[in-house]
Protein backbone atom coordinates (compact mmCIF):
# COMPACT_ATOMS: atom_id res chain seq x y z
CA MET A 1 0.37 -0.09 0.22
CA SER A 2 1.48 3.68 -0.66
CA ALA A 3 2.00 6.22 1.63
CA ALA A 4 -1.01 7.86 0.60
CA ALA A 5 -3.46 4.94 0.58
CA ALA A 6 -2.64 4.25 3.82
CA THR A 7 -3.21 7.68 5.27
CA ASP A 8 -6.51 7.93 3.37
CA TYR A 9 -7.84 4.62 5.33
CA ARG A 10 -6.13 5.51 8.36
CA THR A 11 -8.20 9.71 8.24
CA ARG A 12 -11.49 8.22 6.92
CA THR A 13 -14.75 7.69 8.95
CA TRP A 14 -15.95 4.35 9.11
CA THR A 15 -19.48 4.26 9.77
CA GLY A 16 -20.30 2.36 13.16
CA LEU A 17 -16.51 1.60 14.04
CA GLY A 18 -13.17 4.00 15.17
CA LEU A 19 -10.01 3.54 14.23
CA ASP A 20 -6.76 3.99 15.91
CA ILE A 21 -3.00 3.17 14.91
CA ASP A 22 -0.88 1.77 17.68
CA GLY A 23 2.47 1.42 16.41
CA HIS A 24 1.76 -1.99 14.24
CA THR A 25 -1.38 -2.56 15.64
CA ALA A 26 -5.01 -1.16 14.58
CA VAL A 27 -7.33 -1.05 16.54
CA VAL A 28 -11.09 -0.59 15.84
CA THR A 29 -13.70 -0.10 18.40
CA LEU A 30 -17.11 -1.04 17.76
CA ALA A 31 -19.44 2.55 18.31
CA ASN A 32 -22.61 2.31 18.12
CA PRO A 33 -24.33 3.94 20.93
CA PRO A 34 -25.84 2.52 23.61
CA ALA A 35 -25.28 -0.81 22.67
CA ASN A 36 -22.71 -0.78 19.86
CA THR A 37 -25.33 -3.26 17.71
CA TRP A 38 -24.36 -3.88 14.05
CA THR A 39 -26.38 -2.17 10.75
CA VAL A 40 -25.45 -3.14 7.27
CA HIS A 41 -23.35 -0.33 7.11
CA SER A 42 -21.24 -0.63 9.48
CA LEU A 43 -20.89 -4.68 8.72
CA ALA A 44 -19.86 -3.50 5.36
CA ALA A 45 -17.52 -0.71 6.98
CA LEU A 46 -15.35 -3.69 8.49
CA ARG A 47 -15.49 -5.77 5.20
CA ASP A 48 -14.28 -2.91 3.53
CA LEU A 49 -11.43 -1.29 6.74
CA VAL A 50 -9.86 -5.27 7.43
CA ALA A 51 -9.31 -4.86 3.39
CA ALA A 52 -7.41 -1.84 3.55
CA LEU A 53 -5.42 -3.05 6.87
CA ASN A 54 -4.56 -6.07 4.70
CA ALA A 55 -3.25 -4.17 2.56
CA ASP A 56 -1.22 -2.18 4.74
CA ARG A 57 2.14 -3.75 5.11
CA ASP A 58 3.04 -2.19 8.29
CA ILE A 59 -0.34 -3.54 10.36
CA TYR A 60 0.14 -6.76 12.18
CA ALA A 61 -2.00 -7.25 14.43
CA LEU A 62 -5.91 -6.31 15.20
CA VAL A 63 -7.47 -5.50 18.52
CA VAL A 64 -11.34 -5.43 18.07
CA THR A 65 -13.17 -3.69 21.25
CA GLY A 66 -16.37 -1.81 22.25
CA GLU A 67 -16.88 2.20 23.28
CA GLY A 68 -17.81 2.24 26.77
CA GLU A 69 -17.99 -0.09 29.49
CA LYS A 70 -21.06 -2.00 29.49
CA PHE A 71 -21.23 -3.48 25.30
CA PHE A 72 -18.75 -5.37 23.60
CA SER A 73 -21.48 -5.52 21.00
CA ALA A 74 -25.32 -6.42 21.69
CA GLY A 75 -25.61 -8.05 18.17
CA ALA A 76 -28.06 -7.02 15.19
CA ASP A 77 -30.38 -4.12 15.39
CA LEU A 78 -33.36 -5.99 15.75
CA LYS A 79 -35.34 -2.71 14.19
CA GLN A 80 -34.31 -4.09 10.52
CA PHE A 81 -35.98 -6.79 11.26
CA ALA A 82 -39.20 -5.86 12.31
CA SER A 83 -40.72 -5.58 9.05
CA GLY A 84 -40.32 -9.09 8.39
CA ASP A 85 -38.95 -8.46 4.96
CA LYS A 86 -36.99 -11.15 3.77
CA ALA A 87 -35.00 -8.95 1.30
CA LEU A 88 -33.72 -6.94 4.45
CA ALA A 89 -33.18 -10.05 6.02
CA ARG A 90 -30.45 -11.86 2.84
CA GLU A 91 -28.97 -8.79 2.81
CA ALA A 92 -28.22 -8.33 6.44
CA ALA A 93 -26.66 -12.06 6.96
CA ARG A 94 -24.99 -11.42 3.52
CA ARG A 95 -23.39 -8.27 5.07
CA PHE A 96 -22.64 -10.35 8.86
CA GLY A 97 -20.88 -13.23 6.66
CA GLU A 98 -18.85 -10.71 4.66
CA ALA A 99 -17.89 -8.72 7.59
CA PHE A 100 -16.66 -11.37 10.24
CA GLU A 101 -14.93 -13.70 7.30
CA ALA A 102 -13.16 -11.23 6.35
CA LEU A 103 -12.20 -10.54 9.79
CA SER A 104 -11.52 -14.48 10.67
CA ALA A 105 -9.28 -14.17 6.98
CA PHE A 106 -7.20 -11.06 7.97
CA ARG A 107 -3.57 -12.14 7.89
CA GLY A 108 -2.25 -11.06 10.93
CA VAL A 109 -3.61 -11.56 14.29
CA SER A 110 -6.70 -10.45 15.78
CA ILE A 111 -7.83 -10.41 19.34
CA ALA A 112 -11.25 -9.74 20.68
CA ALA A 113 -11.31 -7.64 23.88
CA ILE A 114 -14.53 -7.74 25.21
CA ASN A 115 -14.91 -5.09 27.43
CA GLY A 116 -19.13 -6.50 28.50
CA TYR A 117 -21.83 -7.76 27.05
CA ALA A 118 -21.32 -10.06 23.72
CA MET A 119 -24.62 -11.10 22.71
CA GLY A 120 -25.20 -12.13 19.09
CA GLY A 121 -23.81 -11.09 16.60
CA GLY A 122 -21.47 -9.38 18.98
CA LEU A 123 -20.40 -12.83 20.46
CA GLU A 124 -20.04 -13.89 16.60
CA CYS A 125 -17.64 -11.14 15.95
CA ALA A 126 -15.41 -11.96 18.75
CA LEU A 127 -15.35 -15.87 17.65
CA ALA A 128 -14.34 -14.49 14.39
CA CYS A 129 -11.35 -13.23 16.04
CA ASP A 130 -8.12 -15.50 16.64
CA LEU A 131 -8.04 -14.62 20.69
CA ARG A 132 -10.38 -13.36 23.28
CA ILE A 133 -10.14 -11.83 26.02
CA ALA A 134 -13.00 -11.00 28.43
CA GLU A 135 -13.09 -8.72 31.33
CA GLU A 136 -14.26 -10.62 34.59
CA HIS A 137 -18.49 -8.44 34.42
CA ALA A 138 -18.74 -9.64 30.28
CA GLN A 139 -21.89 -11.92 29.68
CA LEU A 140 -21.68 -14.28 26.67
CA ALA A 141 -24.89 -15.13 25.10
CA LEU A 142 -26.64 -16.27 21.17
CA PRO A 143 -29.90 -15.42 22.26
CA GLU A 144 -31.09 -15.21 18.63
CA ALA A 145 -33.98 -18.34 18.51
CA THR A 146 -35.46 -16.29 21.28
CA VAL A 147 -36.62 -14.12 19.32
CA GLY A 148 -37.34 -16.42 16.33
CA LEU A 149 -33.85 -15.68 14.66
CA LEU A 150 -30.75 -17.85 14.05
CA PRO A 151 -26.91 -16.79 14.58
CA CYS A 152 -26.08 -16.46 11.33
CA ALA A 153 -22.60 -14.44 11.08
CA GLY A 154 -20.45 -17.79 11.70
CA GLY A 155 -22.05 -18.52 15.57
CA THR A 156 -22.89 -22.32 14.71
CA GLN A 157 -20.00 -23.39 13.84
CA ASN A 158 -17.23 -21.27 15.43
CA LEU A 159 -18.43 -21.97 18.93
CA ALA A 160 -19.09 -25.06 18.55
CA ARG A 161 -15.75 -25.90 17.21
CA LEU A 162 -14.26 -23.59 19.86
CA VAL A 163 -16.23 -25.43 22.86
CA GLY A 164 -17.92 -28.72 21.87
CA GLU A 165 -21.45 -29.24 20.60
CA GLY A 166 -22.52 -29.68 23.96
CA TRP A 167 -22.20 -26.27 25.18
CA ALA A 168 -22.77 -24.58 22.05
CA LYS A 169 -25.92 -26.10 22.03
CA ARG A 170 -26.73 -25.13 25.83
CA LEU A 171 -25.76 -21.77 24.62
CA ILE A 172 -27.88 -21.85 20.99
CA LEU A 173 -30.68 -23.97 21.37
CA LEU A 174 -31.44 -23.56 25.27
CA GLY A 175 -30.79 -19.51 24.83
CA GLU A 176 -28.02 -20.00 28.26
CA ARG A 177 -26.16 -16.56 29.25
CA ILE A 178 -22.60 -17.52 30.61
CA ASP A 179 -20.14 -15.18 32.63
CA ALA A 180 -16.83 -14.72 32.01
CA ALA A 181 -15.31 -17.40 34.23
CA THR A 182 -17.60 -19.82 32.60
CA ALA A 183 -16.34 -18.55 29.07
CA LEU A 184 -12.87 -19.37 30.38
CA ARG A 185 -13.32 -22.56 31.52
CA ILE A 186 -14.96 -24.03 28.40
CA GLY A 187 -12.63 -22.51 26.34
CA ALA A 188 -14.82 -19.42 24.78
CA VAL A 189 -12.02 -16.84 26.17
CA GLU A 190 -8.48 -17.53 26.72
CA GLU A 191 -8.09 -15.26 28.94
CA VAL A 192 -10.04 -13.00 31.74
CA VAL A 193 -9.13 -9.52 33.17
CA GLY A 194 -10.47 -7.09 35.60
CA ARG A 195 -12.93 -4.52 34.70
CA GLY A 196 -11.36 -2.13 32.06
CA GLU A 197 -8.10 -4.19 31.53
CA ALA A 198 -8.99 -6.11 28.16
CA LYS A 199 -7.82 -3.73 25.75
CA ALA A 200 -4.86 -3.35 27.65
CA ARG A 201 -3.88 -6.69 27.80
CA ALA A 202 -5.04 -7.14 24.06
CA LEU A 203 -1.92 -4.66 22.80
CA GLU A 204 0.35 -6.75 24.97
CA TRP A 205 -0.89 -9.75 23.06
CA ALA A 206 -0.75 -7.72 19.70
CA ALA A 207 2.79 -6.27 20.80
CA ARG A 208 4.09 -9.95 21.30
CA ALA A 209 2.92 -10.92 17.89
CA ALA A 210 4.97 -8.35 16.23
CA LYS A 211 8.00 -9.67 17.35
CA GLN A 212 6.87 -12.68 15.72
CA SER A 213 7.21 -12.72 11.63
CA PRO A 214 4.72 -11.50 10.29
CA THR A 215 5.10 -13.54 6.90
CA SER A 216 5.31 -16.36 9.21
CA VAL A 217 3.10 -15.68 11.39
CA ALA A 218 0.01 -14.99 7.96
CA VAL A 219 0.82 -18.66 6.79
CA CYS A 220 0.72 -20.43 10.35
CA LYS A 221 -2.69 -18.52 10.71
CA THR A 222 -3.96 -20.18 7.72
CA LEU A 223 -2.20 -23.60 8.39
CA VAL A 224 -3.97 -23.55 11.62
CA GLN A 225 -7.52 -22.72 10.29
CA THR A 226 -7.62 -24.95 7.61
CA THR A 227 -7.59 -28.14 10.28
CA ARG A 228 -11.81 -27.05 9.74
CA SER A 229 -11.93 -28.01 6.49
CA GLN A 230 -9.56 -30.25 5.56
CA PRO A 231 -8.12 -33.69 6.56
CA ALA A 232 -4.87 -33.92 8.90
CA THR A 233 -2.38 -35.56 5.81
CA ALA A 234 -3.54 -33.02 3.85
CA GLY A 235 -2.47 -30.42 5.98
CA LEU A 236 0.72 -31.58 7.01
CA ILE A 237 1.56 -31.54 3.24
CA ALA A 238 0.99 -27.84 3.16
CA GLU A 239 2.88 -26.93 5.44
CA ARG A 240 5.98 -28.81 4.85
CA GLU A 241 5.58 -27.03 1.28
CA ALA A 242 4.73 -23.69 3.06
CA PHE A 243 7.94 -24.01 5.21
CA VAL A 244 9.91 -24.21 2.06
CA ASP A 245 7.84 -20.96 0.65
CA LEU A 246 8.94 -18.90 3.35
CA PHE A 247 12.35 -19.19 1.87
CA ASP A 248 11.41 -16.72 -0.59
CA THR A 249 10.72 -14.17 2.10
CA ALA A 250 12.81 -11.27 2.87
CA ASP A 251 12.01 -12.24 6.52
CA GLN A 252 12.98 -15.66 6.80
CA ALA A 253 16.44 -14.50 6.33
CA GLU A 254 16.43 -11.52 8.38
CA GLY A 255 15.16 -13.77 11.25
CA VAL A 256 17.66 -16.35 11.07
CA ASN A 257 20.75 -13.62 10.49
CA ALA A 258 19.29 -11.83 13.68
CA PHE A 259 19.18 -15.03 15.78
CA LEU A 260 22.99 -16.16 14.77
CA ASP A 261 23.81 -12.01 15.26
CA LYS A 262 22.47 -12.23 18.79
CA ARG A 263 20.27 -9.10 17.56
CA ALA A 264 16.16 -8.20 17.63
CA PRO A 265 14.94 -8.90 14.02
CA THR A 266 14.08 -5.75 11.99
CA TRP A 267 10.55 -6.91 10.17
CA THR A 268 9.64 -5.54 6.66
CA ASN A 269 6.68 -7.96 6.44
CA ALA A 270 8.27 -8.85 2.92
């Protein structure tokens, strides 16, 4: 990405989202008060913003959090479904898919800093990230069936993969809500921190990720995620081929030589 293009995306307005750049980390804040709900416009903005971040080789990690102290995100704005219009429902489902699939495919490390309620599409956003940190007062749920809907943004797939079919069914079929401690115990989040501490902890993790080769991280992430859809034998072959392919990158040479020279590597993401 050119310097001009990087400046453009960093300074433009993203509907329903805030953007800050902290070194090699982009911090995206869900900002649609009072509950940081999603609309088709904010979902399209997230999709386009992730594309811009992918194109900026200086960005290695992405932190997603919610504005305020109460909500990460309460999910979809249900007012858009009150009319029963199937065309609107189809557009919303498509936008959710585009946004969260783009987030899942972000080439760097994505971390959800869950600073409060993560409900429905809010939890699905967090599930689309690589890692999740929840504040101790956070509440997680997929309550769509309570209002005659279902999680259409990866919830049925990603939650079951993380916590197993039983717990996924408790949340989805029974409408059960879990607290942060339970989320940690069942594997829905990787760490629980105190109130107001999730973003700072996520930035610490992002800084640790930035010490890794960004080219290696991107390939490793892809390989890990292919375990969801392909047999282990195919993954093992792809892993070996990807290892060799890294020798075409500048970061591979820099990493090995920096280790041998006993110095910190300087990554170029190339």
